[in-house]
Amino acid sequence: QVHPVESGGGLVQPGGSLSLSCAASGIRFSITSMGWFRQAPGKQREMVALITNAGIPDYAGSVKGRFTISRDNAKTTVYLQMNSLKPKDTAVYYCVGSNCWGQGTQVTVSS
């Protein structure tokens, strides 16, 4: 199993950047697709970005061109670089792999 732990959230102004990290312990990381999801208050959880074990990414349309997902199998870590942040990106961001979810990290975009 993969046990994700997210970090890197915080408060940022519109147009700013944040980088999230997900440290995932577990011996199956290198063969596991990983993903970032988010949930805003009063809304359903939604997919933000996915990355296969081979490093092939996929993005939600709302973040394509602004967010970049990457992974380092040697460090068993997945990253989410978020640029040009908008207030609508405000949410709790969760890392997931092998149906194991982290506890989430809050991202707030506000002036």
PDB file of N, CA and C in Angstrom:
ATOM      1  N   GLN A   1       0.831  -1.188   0.000  1.00  0.00           N
ATOM      2  CA  GLN A   1       0.000   0.000   0.000  1.00  0.00           C
ATOM      3  C   GLN A   1       0.872   1.247   0.000  1.00  0.00           C
ATOM      4  N   VAL A   2       0.244   2.354  -0.384  1.00  0.00           N
ATOM      5  CA  VAL A   2       0.914   3.650  -0.375  1.00  0.00           C
ATOM      6  C   VAL A   2       0.248   4.517   0.675  1.00  0.00           C
ATOM      7  N   HIS A   3       1.035   5.158   1.506  1.00  0.00           N
ATOM      8  CA  HIS A   3       0.499   6.023   2.557  1.00  0.00           C
ATOM      9  C   HIS A   3       0.971   7.436   2.311  1.00  0.00           C
ATOM     10  N   PRO A   4       0.122   8.272   1.689  1.00  0.00           N
ATOM     11  CA  PRO A   4       0.540   9.637   1.320  1.00  0.00           C
ATOM     12  C   PRO A   4       0.463  10.636   2.473  1.00  0.00           C
ATOM     13  N   VAL A   5       1.423  11.557   2.492  1.00  0.00           N
ATOM     14  CA  VAL A   5       1.425  12.678   3.433  1.00  0.00           C
ATOM     15  C   VAL A   5       1.722  13.944   2.644  1.00  0.00           C
ATOM     16  N   GLU A   6       0.733  14.849   2.591  1.00  0.00           N
ATOM     17  CA  GLU A   6       0.880  16.074   1.814  1.00  0.00           C
ATOM     18  C   GLU A   6       1.539  17.179   2.632  1.00  0.00           C
ATOM     19  N   SER A   7       2.198  18.098   1.928  1.00  0.00           N
ATOM     20  CA  SER A   7       2.752  19.294   2.551  1.00  0.00           C
ATOM     21  C   SER A   7       2.850  20.391   1.510  1.00  0.00           C
ATOM     22  N   GLY A   8       3.010  21.640   1.989  1.00  0.00           N
ATOM     23  CA  GLY A   8       3.251  22.744   1.067  1.00  0.00           C
ATOM     24  C   GLY A   8       2.090  23.686   0.847  1.00  0.00           C
ATOM     25  N   GLY A   9       0.956  23.425   1.466  1.00  0.00           N
ATOM     26  CA  GLY A   9      -0.165  24.332   1.300  1.00  0.00           C
ATOM     27  C   GLY A   9       0.060  25.647   2.024  1.00  0.00           C
ATOM     28  N   GLY A  10      -0.881  26.571   1.824  1.00  0.00           N
ATOM     29  CA  GLY A  10      -0.770  27.854   2.496  1.00  0.00           C
ATOM     30  C   GLY A  10      -1.630  28.902   1.836  1.00  0.00           C
ATOM     31  N   LEU A  11      -1.348  30.147   2.175  1.00  0.00           N
ATOM     32  CA  LEU A  11      -2.087  31.290   1.646  1.00  0.00           C
ATOM     33  C   LEU A  11      -1.229  31.985   0.594  1.00  0.00           C
ATOM     34  N   VAL A  12      -1.827  32.273  -0.553  1.00  0.00           N
ATOM     35  CA  VAL A  12      -1.111  32.932  -1.632  1.00  0.00           C
ATOM     36  C   VAL A  12      -2.051  33.917  -2.313  1.00  0.00           C
ATOM     37  N   GLN A  13      -1.509  34.969  -2.856  1.00  0.00           N
ATOM     38  CA  GLN A  13      -2.312  35.963  -3.560  1.00  0.00           C
ATOM     39  C   GLN A  13      -2.652  35.465  -4.969  1.00  0.00           C
ATOM     40  N   PRO A  14      -3.728  35.950  -5.535  1.00  0.00           N
ATOM     41  CA  PRO A  14      -4.050  35.586  -6.925  1.00  0.00           C
ATOM     42  C   PRO A  14      -2.879  35.891  -7.848  1.00  0.00           C
ATOM     43  N   GLY A  15      -2.622  34.951  -8.746  1.00  0.00           N
ATOM     44  CA  GLY A  15      -1.491  35.085  -9.648  1.00  0.00           C
ATOM     45  C   GLY A  15      -0.205  34.484  -9.115  1.00  0.00           C
ATOM     46  N   GLY A  16      -0.224  34.099  -7.849  1.00  0.00           N
ATOM     47  CA  GLY A  16       0.971  33.545  -7.236  1.00  0.00           C
ATOM     48  C   GLY A  16       1.142  32.063  -7.497  1.00  0.00           C
ATOM     49  N   SER A  17       2.160  31.479  -6.863  1.00  0.00           N
ATOM     50  CA  SER A  17       2.506  30.072  -7.062  1.00  0.00           C
ATOM     51  C   SER A  17       2.663  29.367  -5.727  1.00  0.00           C
ATOM     52  N   LEU A  18       2.395  28.077  -5.749  1.00  0.00           N
ATOM     53  CA  LEU A  18       2.642  27.198  -4.613  1.00  0.00           C
ATOM     54  C   LEU A  18       3.096  25.852  -5.147  1.00  0.00           C
ATOM     55  N   SER A  19       3.891  25.168  -4.355  1.00  0.00           N
ATOM     56  CA  SER A  19       4.321  23.827  -4.719  1.00  0.00           C
ATOM     57  C   SER A  19       3.926  22.864  -3.620  1.00  0.00           C
ATOM     58  N   LEU A  20       3.161  21.856  -3.962  1.00  0.00           N
ATOM     59  CA  LEU A  20       2.753  20.835  -3.016  1.00  0.00           C
ATOM     60  C   LEU A  20       3.627  19.590  -3.195  1.00  0.00           C
ATOM     61  N   SER A  21       3.853  18.911  -2.078  1.00  0.00           N
ATOM     62  CA  SER A  21       4.587  17.647  -2.108  1.00  0.00           C
ATOM     63  C   SER A  21       3.754  16.566  -1.451  1.00  0.00           C
ATOM     64  N   CYS A  22       3.949  15.353  -1.892  1.00  0.00           N
ATOM     65  CA  CYS A  22       3.266  14.200  -1.313  1.00  0.00           C
ATOM     66  C   CYS A  22       4.292  13.099  -1.130  1.00  0.00           C
ATOM     67  N   ALA A  23       4.665  12.874   0.106  1.00  0.00           N
ATOM     68  CA  ALA A  23       5.591  11.798   0.424  1.00  0.00           C
ATOM     69  C   ALA A  23       4.790  10.527   0.658  1.00  0.00           C
ATOM     70  N   ALA A  24       5.072   9.522  -0.124  1.00  0.00           N
ATOM     71  CA  ALA A  24       4.261   8.302  -0.077  1.00  0.00           C
ATOM     72  C   ALA A  24       5.124   7.122   0.311  1.00  0.00           C
ATOM     73  N   SER A  25       4.988   6.667   1.528  1.00  0.00           N
ATOM     74  CA  SER A  25       5.719   5.482   1.963  1.00  0.00           C
ATOM     75  C   SER A  25       5.045   4.232   1.423  1.00  0.00           C
ATOM     76  N   GLY A  26       5.789   3.144   1.395  1.00  0.00           N
ATOM     77  CA  GLY A  26       5.205   1.916   0.854  1.00  0.00           C
ATOM     78  C   GLY A  26       6.052   1.399  -0.283  1.00  0.00           C
ATOM     79  N   ILE A  27       6.209   0.132  -0.395  1.00  0.00           N
ATOM     80  CA  ILE A  27       7.160  -0.418  -1.345  1.00  0.00           C
ATOM     81  C   ILE A  27       6.611  -0.491  -2.759  1.00  0.00           C
ATOM     82  N   ARG A  28       5.327  -0.172  -2.960  1.00  0.00           N
ATOM     83  CA  ARG A  28       4.759  -0.294  -4.292  1.00  0.00           C
ATOM     84  C   ARG A  28       4.675   1.035  -5.030  1.00  0.00           C
ATOM     85  N   PHE A  29       5.320   2.065  -4.541  1.00  0.00           N
ATOM     86  CA  PHE A  29       5.187   3.410  -5.113  1.00  0.00           C
ATOM     87  C   PHE A  29       5.556   3.433  -6.590  1.00  0.00           C
ATOM     88  N   SER A  30       6.645   2.789  -6.956  1.00  0.00           N
ATOM     89  CA  SER A  30       7.162   2.912  -8.320  1.00  0.00           C
ATOM     90  C   SER A  30       6.229   2.311  -9.363  1.00  0.00           C
ATOM     91  N   ILE A  31       5.308   1.477  -8.961  1.00  0.00           N
ATOM     92  CA  ILE A  31       4.390   0.872  -9.923  1.00  0.00           C
ATOM     93  C   ILE A  31       2.967   1.402  -9.750  1.00  0.00           C
ATOM     94  N   THR A  32       2.845   2.485  -9.003  1.00  0.00           N
ATOM     95  CA  THR A  32       1.524   3.019  -8.665  1.00  0.00           C
ATOM     96  C   THR A  32       1.283   4.358  -9.344  1.00  0.00           C
ATOM     97  N   SER A  33       0.156   4.486 -10.019  1.00  0.00           N
ATOM     98  CA  SER A  33      -0.258   5.808 -10.485  1.00  0.00           C
ATOM     99  C   SER A  33      -0.673   6.646  -9.283  1.00  0.00           C
ATOM    100  N   MET A  34      -0.343   7.922  -9.333  1.00  0.00           N
ATOM    101  CA  MET A  34      -0.639   8.817  -8.222  1.00  0.00           C
ATOM    102  C   MET A  34      -1.490   9.979  -8.732  1.00  0.00           C
ATOM    103  N   GLY A  35      -2.181  10.622  -7.808  1.00  0.00           N
ATOM    104  CA  GLY A  35      -3.022  11.723  -8.238  1.00  0.00           C
ATOM    105  C   GLY A  35      -3.181  12.789  -7.173  1.00  0.00           C
ATOM    106  N   TRP A  36      -3.571  13.965  -7.614  1.00  0.00           N
ATOM    107  CA  TRP A  36      -3.963  15.067  -6.743  1.00  0.00           C
ATOM    108  C   TRP A  36      -5.438  15.363  -7.010  1.00  0.00           C
ATOM    109  N   PHE A  37      -6.188  15.457  -5.945  1.00  0.00           N
ATOM    110  CA  PHE A  37      -7.586  15.854  -5.995  1.00  0.00           C
ATOM    111  C   PHE A  37      -7.758  17.067  -5.087  1.00  0.00           C
ATOM    112  N   ARG A  38      -8.890  17.735  -5.216  1.00  0.00           N
ATOM    113  CA  ARG A  38      -9.171  18.856  -4.332  1.00  0.00           C
ATOM    114  C   ARG A  38     -10.653  18.915  -4.021  1.00  0.00           C
ATOM    115  N   GLN A  39     -10.940  19.518  -2.872  1.00  0.00           N
ATOM    116  CA  GLN A  39     -12.334  19.693  -2.468  1.00  0.00           C
ATOM    117  C   GLN A  39     -12.505  21.071  -1.867  1.00  0.00           C
ATOM    118  N   ALA A  40     -13.330  21.871  -2.517  1.00  0.00           N
ATOM    119  CA  ALA A  40     -13.651  23.199  -2.028  1.00  0.00           C
ATOM    120  C   ALA A  40     -14.882  23.110  -1.119  1.00  0.00           C
ATOM    121  N   PRO A  41     -15.058  24.080  -0.239  1.00  0.00           N
ATOM    122  CA  PRO A  41     -16.219  24.058   0.678  1.00  0.00           C
ATOM    123  C   PRO A  41     -17.532  23.958  -0.096  1.00  0.00           C
ATOM    124  N   GLY A  42     -18.357  23.009   0.297  1.00  0.00           N
ATOM    125  CA  GLY A  42     -19.661  22.857  -0.328  1.00  0.00           C
ATOM    126  C   GLY A  42     -19.648  22.205  -1.687  1.00  0.00           C
ATOM    127  N   LYS A  43     -18.486  21.728  -2.117  1.00  0.00           N
ATOM    128  CA  LYS A  43     -18.383  21.108  -3.437  1.00  0.00           C
ATOM    129  C   LYS A  43     -17.867  19.688  -3.331  1.00  0.00           C
ATOM    130  N   GLN A  44     -18.071  18.922  -4.403  1.00  0.00           N
ATOM    131  CA  GLN A  44     -17.569  17.563  -4.432  1.00  0.00           C
ATOM    132  C   GLN A  44     -16.075  17.552  -4.699  1.00  0.00           C
ATOM    133  N   ARG A  45     -15.438  16.478  -4.251  1.00  0.00           N
ATOM    134  CA  ARG A  45     -14.021  16.320  -4.532  1.00  0.00           C
ATOM    135  C   ARG A  45     -13.840  16.111  -6.034  1.00  0.00           C
ATOM    136  N   GLU A  46     -12.816  16.745  -6.597  1.00  0.00           N
ATOM    137  CA  GLU A  46     -12.580  16.643  -8.028  1.00  0.00           C
ATOM    138  C   GLU A  46     -11.121  16.350  -8.328  1.00  0.00           C
ATOM    139  N   MET A  47     -10.898  15.688  -9.446  1.00  0.00           N
ATOM    140  CA  MET A  47      -9.549  15.374  -9.881  1.00  0.00           C
ATOM    141  C   MET A  47      -8.861  16.637 -10.357  1.00  0.00           C
ATOM    142  N   VAL A  48      -7.615  16.810  -9.970  1.00  0.00           N
ATOM    143  CA  VAL A  48      -6.798  17.930 -10.426  1.00  0.00           C
ATOM    144  C   VAL A  48      -5.769  17.449 -11.440  1.00  0.00           C
ATOM    145  N   ALA A  49      -5.007  16.429 -11.058  1.00  0.00           N
ATOM    146  CA  ALA A  49      -3.952  15.918 -11.928  1.00  0.00           C
ATOM    147  C   ALA A  49      -3.632  14.480 -11.549  1.00  0.00           C
ATOM    148  N   LEU A  50      -3.265  13.701 -12.566  1.00  0.00           N
ATOM    149  CA  LEU A  50      -2.862  12.315 -12.366  1.00  0.00           C
ATOM    150  C   LEU A  50      -1.520  12.099 -13.044  1.00  0.00           C
ATOM    151  N   ILE A  51      -0.772  11.115 -12.549  1.00  0.00           N
ATOM    152  CA  ILE A  51       0.475  10.755 -13.202  1.00  0.00           C
ATOM    153  C   ILE A  51       0.651   9.248 -13.106  1.00  0.00           C
ATOM    154  N   THR A  52       0.926   8.618 -14.237  1.00  0.00           N
ATOM    155  CA  THR A  52       1.104   7.166 -14.237  1.00  0.00           C
ATOM    156  C   THR A  52       2.454   6.796 -13.656  1.00  0.00           C
ATOM    157  N   ASN A  53       2.656   5.497 -13.428  1.00  0.00           N
ATOM    158  CA  ASN A  53       3.953   5.056 -12.900  1.00  0.00           C
ATOM    159  C   ASN A  53       5.068   5.355 -13.896  1.00  0.00           C
ATOM    160  N   ALA A  54       4.728   5.508 -15.175  1.00  0.00           N
ATOM    161  CA  ALA A  54       5.723   5.839 -16.202  1.00  0.00           C
ATOM    162  C   ALA A  54       5.915   7.351 -16.337  1.00  0.00           C
ATOM    163  N   GLY A  55       5.189   8.137 -15.549  1.00  0.00           N
ATOM    164  CA  GLY A  55       5.373   9.581 -15.585  1.00  0.00           C
ATOM    165  C   GLY A  55       4.511  10.324 -16.579  1.00  0.00           C
ATOM    166  N   ILE A  56       3.477   9.686 -17.096  1.00  0.00           N
ATOM    167  CA  ILE A  56       2.593  10.348 -18.044  1.00  0.00           C
ATOM    168  C   ILE A  56       1.510  11.094 -17.284  1.00  0.00           C
ATOM    169  N   PRO A  57       1.399  12.414 -17.491  1.00  0.00           N
ATOM    170  CA  PRO A  57       0.443  13.210 -16.731  1.00  0.00           C
ATOM    171  C   PRO A  57      -0.907  13.385 -17.435  1.00  0.00           C
ATOM    172  N   ASP A  58      -1.879  13.738 -16.642  1.00  0.00           N
ATOM    173  CA  ASP A  58      -3.195  14.110 -17.150  1.00  0.00           C
ATOM    174  C   ASP A  58      -3.746  15.166 -16.219  1.00  0.00           C
ATOM    175  N   TYR A  59      -4.474  16.142 -16.783  1.00  0.00           N
ATOM    176  CA  TYR A  59      -4.921  17.280 -15.995  1.00  0.00           C
ATOM    177  C   TYR A  59      -6.401  17.562 -16.214  1.00  0.00           C
ATOM    178  N   ALA A  60      -7.025  18.124 -15.182  1.00  0.00           N
ATOM    179  CA  ALA A  60      -8.354  18.672 -15.358  1.00  0.00           C
ATOM    180  C   ALA A  60      -8.242  19.904 -16.248  1.00  0.00           C
ATOM    181  N   GLY A  61      -9.290  20.136 -17.017  1.00  0.00           N
ATOM    182  CA  GLY A  61      -9.251  21.269 -17.932  1.00  0.00           C
ATOM    183  C   GLY A  61      -9.037  22.604 -17.233  1.00  0.00           C
ATOM    184  N   SER A  62      -9.546  22.713 -16.009  1.00  0.00           N
ATOM    185  CA  SER A  62      -9.478  23.977 -15.281  1.00  0.00           C
ATOM    186  C   SER A  62      -8.070  24.347 -14.828  1.00  0.00           C
ATOM    187  N   VAL A  63      -7.153  23.371 -14.823  1.00  0.00           N
ATOM    188  CA  VAL A  63      -5.793  23.657 -14.354  1.00  0.00           C
ATOM    189  C   VAL A  63      -4.746  23.444 -15.436  1.00  0.00           C
ATOM    190  N   LYS A  64      -5.151  22.936 -16.583  1.00  0.00           N
ATOM    191  CA  LYS A  64      -4.195  22.640 -17.640  1.00  0.00           C
ATOM    192  C   LYS A  64      -3.479  23.918 -18.072  1.00  0.00           C
ATOM    193  N   GLY A  65      -2.167  23.824 -18.160  1.00  0.00           N
ATOM    194  CA  GLY A  65      -1.365  24.992 -18.521  1.00  0.00           C
ATOM    195  C   GLY A  65      -0.912  25.814 -17.327  1.00  0.00           C
ATOM    196  N   ARG A  66      -1.503  25.552 -16.163  1.00  0.00           N
ATOM    197  CA  ARG A  66      -1.115  26.295 -14.950  1.00  0.00           C
ATOM    198  C   ARG A  66      -0.463  25.387 -13.908  1.00  0.00           C
ATOM    199  N   PHE A  67      -0.908  24.136 -13.835  1.00  0.00           N
ATOM    200  CA  PHE A  67      -0.391  23.188 -12.851  1.00  0.00           C
ATOM    201  C   PHE A  67       0.475  22.139 -13.553  1.00  0.00           C
ATOM    202  N   THR A  68       1.477  21.652 -12.832  1.00  0.00           N
ATOM    203  CA  THR A  68       2.328  20.585 -13.344  1.00  0.00           C
ATOM    204  C   THR A  68       2.511  19.523 -12.275  1.00  0.00           C
ATOM    205  N   ILE A  69       2.191  18.287 -12.633  1.00  0.00           N
ATOM    206  CA  ILE A  69       2.404  17.164 -11.721  1.00  0.00           C
ATOM    207  C   ILE A  69       3.682  16.443 -12.135  1.00  0.00           C
ATOM    208  N   SER A  70       4.433  16.004 -11.150  1.00  0.00           N
ATOM    209  CA  SER A  70       5.659  15.245 -11.425  1.00  0.00           C
ATOM    210  C   SER A  70       5.889  14.261 -10.287  1.00  0.00           C
ATOM    211  N   ARG A  71       6.805  13.343 -10.514  1.00  0.00           N
ATOM    212  CA  ARG A  71       7.104  12.361  -9.476  1.00  0.00           C
ATOM    213  C   ARG A  71       8.583  12.022  -9.479  1.00  0.00           C
ATOM    214  N   ASP A  72       9.054  11.631  -8.309  1.00  0.00           N
ATOM    215  CA  ASP A  72      10.425  11.165  -8.126  1.00  0.00           C
ATOM    216  C   ASP A  72      10.323   9.804  -7.454  1.00  0.00           C
ATOM    217  N   ASN A  73      10.471   8.750  -8.244  1.00  0.00           N
ATOM    218  CA  ASN A  73      10.295   7.401  -7.682  1.00  0.00           C
ATOM    219  C   ASN A  73      11.359   7.066  -6.639  1.00  0.00           C
ATOM    220  N   ALA A  74      12.566   7.610  -6.811  1.00  0.00           N
ATOM    221  CA  ALA A  74      13.636   7.341  -5.842  1.00  0.00           C
ATOM    222  C   ALA A  74      13.290   7.931  -4.474  1.00  0.00           C
ATOM    223  N   LYS A  75      12.577   9.059  -4.488  1.00  0.00           N
ATOM    224  CA  LYS A  75      12.182   9.699  -3.234  1.00  0.00           C
ATOM    225  C   LYS A  75      10.750   9.342  -2.840  1.00  0.00           C
ATOM    226  N   THR A  76      10.093   8.514  -3.634  1.00  0.00           N
ATOM    227  CA  THR A  76       8.682   8.142  -3.429  1.00  0.00           C
ATOM    228  C   THR A  76       7.845   9.376  -3.130  1.00  0.00           C
ATOM    229  N   THR A  77       7.990  10.386  -3.967  1.00  0.00           N
ATOM    230  CA  THR A  77       7.320  11.667  -3.766  1.00  0.00           C
ATOM    231  C   THR A  77       6.672  12.134  -5.064  1.00  0.00           C
ATOM    232  N   VAL A  78       5.489  12.693  -4.917  1.00  0.00           N
ATOM    233  CA  VAL A  78       4.782  13.315  -6.033  1.00  0.00           C
ATOM    234  C   VAL A  78       4.667  14.803  -5.735  1.00  0.00           C
ATOM    235  N   TYR A  79       4.771  15.598  -6.787  1.00  0.00           N
ATOM    236  CA  TYR A  79       4.743  17.048  -6.625  1.00  0.00           C
ATOM    237  C   TYR A  79       3.598  17.642  -7.458  1.00  0.00           C
ATOM    238  N   LEU A  80       3.128  18.788  -7.017  1.00  0.00           N
ATOM    239  CA  LEU A  80       2.175  19.558  -7.807  1.00  0.00           C
ATOM    240  C   LEU A  80       2.624  21.016  -7.771  1.00  0.00           C
ATOM    241  N   GLN A  81       3.133  21.486  -8.891  1.00  0.00           N
ATOM    242  CA  GLN A  81       3.515  22.884  -9.018  1.00  0.00           C
ATOM    243  C   GLN A  81       2.313  23.657  -9.543  1.00  0.00           C
ATOM    244  N   MET A  82       1.888  24.657  -8.791  1.00  0.00           N
ATOM    245  CA  MET A  82       0.702  25.428  -9.145  1.00  0.00           C
ATOM    246  C   MET A  82       1.092  26.873  -9.410  1.00  0.00           C
ATOM    247  N   ASN A  83       0.872  27.321 -10.613  1.00  0.00           N
ATOM    248  CA  ASN A  83       1.180  28.692 -11.018  1.00  0.00           C
ATOM    249  C   ASN A  83      -0.095  29.427 -11.411  1.00  0.00           C
ATOM    250  N   SER A  84      -0.009  30.730 -11.474  1.00  0.00           N
ATOM    251  CA  SER A  84      -1.147  31.570 -11.873  1.00  0.00           C
ATOM    252  C   SER A  84      -2.404  31.204 -11.091  1.00  0.00           C
ATOM    253  N   LEU A  85      -2.247  31.091  -9.802  1.00  0.00           N
ATOM    254  CA  LEU A  85      -3.350  30.640  -8.960  1.00  0.00           C
ATOM    255  C   LEU A  85      -4.495  31.644  -8.947  1.00  0.00           C
ATOM    256  N   LYS A  86      -5.710  31.096  -8.856  1.00  0.00           N
ATOM    257  CA  LYS A  86      -6.928  31.890  -8.854  1.00  0.00           C
ATOM    258  C   LYS A  86      -7.716  31.606  -7.582  1.00  0.00           C
ATOM    259  N   PRO A  87      -8.559  32.525  -7.156  1.00  0.00           N
ATOM    260  CA  PRO A  87      -9.376  32.262  -5.962  1.00  0.00           C
ATOM    261  C   PRO A  87     -10.173  30.965  -6.059  1.00  0.00           C
ATOM    262  N   LYS A  88     -10.597  30.580  -7.256  1.00  0.00           N
ATOM    263  CA  LYS A  88     -11.364  29.340  -7.400  1.00  0.00           C
ATOM    264  C   LYS A  88     -10.509  28.094  -7.197  1.00  0.00           C
ATOM    265  N   ASP A  89      -9.194  28.250  -7.091  1.00  0.00           N
ATOM    266  CA  ASP A  89      -8.331  27.119  -6.774  1.00  0.00           C
ATOM    267  C   ASP A  89      -8.294  26.837  -5.274  1.00  0.00           C
ATOM    268  N   THR A  90      -8.920  27.691  -4.486  1.00  0.00           N
ATOM    269  CA  THR A  90      -8.965  27.490  -3.042  1.00  0.00           C
ATOM    270  C   THR A  90      -9.680  26.192  -2.708  1.00  0.00           C
ATOM    271  N   ALA A  91      -9.005  25.335  -1.966  1.00  0.00           N
ATOM    272  CA  ALA A  91      -9.555  24.019  -1.626  1.00  0.00           C
ATOM    273  C   ALA A  91      -8.570  23.283  -0.725  1.00  0.00           C
ATOM    274  N   VAL A  92      -9.031  22.164  -0.200  1.00  0.00           N
ATOM    275  CA  VAL A  92      -8.116  21.216   0.435  1.00  0.00           C
ATOM    276  C   VAL A  92      -7.633  20.269  -0.661  1.00  0.00           C
ATOM    277  N   TYR A  93      -6.338  20.138  -0.778  1.00  0.00           N
ATOM    278  CA  TYR A  93      -5.742  19.306  -1.813  1.00  0.00           C
ATOM    279  C   TYR A  93      -5.295  17.979  -1.203  1.00  0.00           C
ATOM    280  N   TYR A  94      -5.700  16.890  -1.863  1.00  0.00           N
ATOM    281  CA  TYR A  94      -5.410  15.555  -1.389  1.00  0.00           C
ATOM    282  C   TYR A  94      -4.552  14.797  -2.392  1.00  0.00           C
ATOM    283  N   CYS A  95      -3.638  14.002  -1.865  1.00  0.00           N
ATOM    284  CA  CYS A  95      -2.830  13.103  -2.674  1.00  0.00           C
ATOM    285  C   CYS A  95      -3.408  11.694  -2.520  1.00  0.00           C
ATOM    286  N   VAL A  96      -3.390  10.939  -3.604  1.00  0.00           N
ATOM    287  CA  VAL A  96      -3.954   9.588  -3.551  1.00  0.00           C
ATOM    288  C   VAL A  96      -3.130   8.644  -4.400  1.00  0.00           C
ATOM    289  N   GLY A  97      -3.008   7.419  -3.916  1.00  0.00           N
ATOM    290  CA  GLY A  97      -2.366   6.351  -4.663  1.00  0.00           C
ATOM    291  C   GLY A  97      -2.852   5.024  -4.136  1.00  0.00           C
ATOM    292  N   SER A  98      -3.174   4.099  -5.038  1.00  0.00           N
ATOM    293  CA  SER A  98      -3.686   2.785  -4.636  1.00  0.00           C
ATOM    294  C   SER A  98      -4.883   2.912  -3.706  1.00  0.00           C
ATOM    295  N   ASN A  99      -5.733   3.874  -3.997  1.00  0.00           N
ATOM    296  CA  ASN A  99      -6.931   4.127  -3.195  1.00  0.00           C
ATOM    297  C   ASN A  99      -6.620   4.519  -1.755  1.00  0.00           C
ATOM    298  N   CYS A 100      -5.385   4.919  -1.484  1.00  0.00           N
ATOM    299  CA  CYS A 100      -5.017   5.432  -0.167  1.00  0.00           C
ATOM    300  C   CYS A 100      -4.910   6.945  -0.247  1.00  0.00           C
ATOM    301  N   TRP A 101      -5.646   7.634   0.613  1.00  0.00           N
ATOM    302  CA  TRP A 101      -5.715   9.090   0.586  1.00  0.00           C
ATOM    303  C   TRP A 101      -4.921   9.686   1.734  1.00  0.00           C
ATOM    304  N   GLY A 102      -4.260  10.819   1.428  1.00  0.00           N
ATOM    305  CA  GLY A 102      -3.647  11.572   2.489  1.00  0.00           C
ATOM    306  C   GLY A 102      -4.695  12.380   3.240  1.00  0.00           C
ATOM    307  N   GLN A 103      -4.257  13.124   4.241  1.00  0.00           N
ATOM    308  CA  GLN A 103      -5.191  13.901   5.051  1.00  0.00           C
ATOM    309  C   GLN A 103      -5.483  15.269   4.454  1.00  0.00           C
ATOM    310  N   GLY A 104      -4.722  15.661   3.456  1.00  0.00           N
ATOM    311  CA  GLY A 104      -4.994  16.905   2.759  1.00  0.00           C
ATOM    312  C   GLY A 104      -4.193  18.080   3.284  1.00  0.00           C
ATOM    313  N   THR A 105      -4.026  19.067   2.425  1.00  0.00           N
ATOM    314  CA  THR A 105      -3.354  20.312   2.791  1.00  0.00           C
ATOM    315  C   THR A 105      -4.165  21.474   2.206  1.00  0.00           C
ATOM    316  N   GLN A 106      -4.367  22.497   3.012  1.00  0.00           N
ATOM    317  CA  GLN A 106      -5.214  23.619   2.613  1.00  0.00           C
ATOM    318  C   GLN A 106      -4.449  24.577   1.715  1.00  0.00           C
ATOM    319  N   VAL A 107      -5.073  24.942   0.608  1.00  0.00           N
ATOM    320  CA  VAL A 107      -4.563  25.981  -0.279  1.00  0.00           C
ATOM    321  C   VAL A 107      -5.613  27.087  -0.345  1.00  0.00           C
ATOM    322  N   THR A 108      -5.208  28.296   0.000  1.00  0.00           N
ATOM    323  CA  THR A 108      -6.117  29.440  -0.035  1.00  0.00           C
ATOM    324  C   THR A 108      -5.530  30.518  -0.927  1.00  0.00           C
ATOM    325  N   VAL A 109      -6.302  30.920  -1.919  1.00  0.00           N
ATOM    326  CA  VAL A 109      -5.874  31.955  -2.852  1.00  0.00           C
ATOM    327  C   VAL A 109      -6.752  33.176  -2.615  1.00  0.00           C
ATOM    328  N   SER A 110      -6.152  34.201  -2.047  1.00  0.00           N
ATOM    329  CA  SER A 110      -6.931  35.373  -1.667  1.00  0.00           C
ATOM    330  C   SER A 110      -6.028  36.583  -1.552  1.00  0.00           C
ATOM    331  N   SER A 111      -6.582  37.744  -1.865  1.00  0.00           N
ATOM    332  CA  SER A 111      -5.829  38.979  -1.690  1.00  0.00           C
ATOM    333  C   SER A 111      -6.140  39.588  -0.321  1.00  0.00           C
TER     334      SER A 111
END
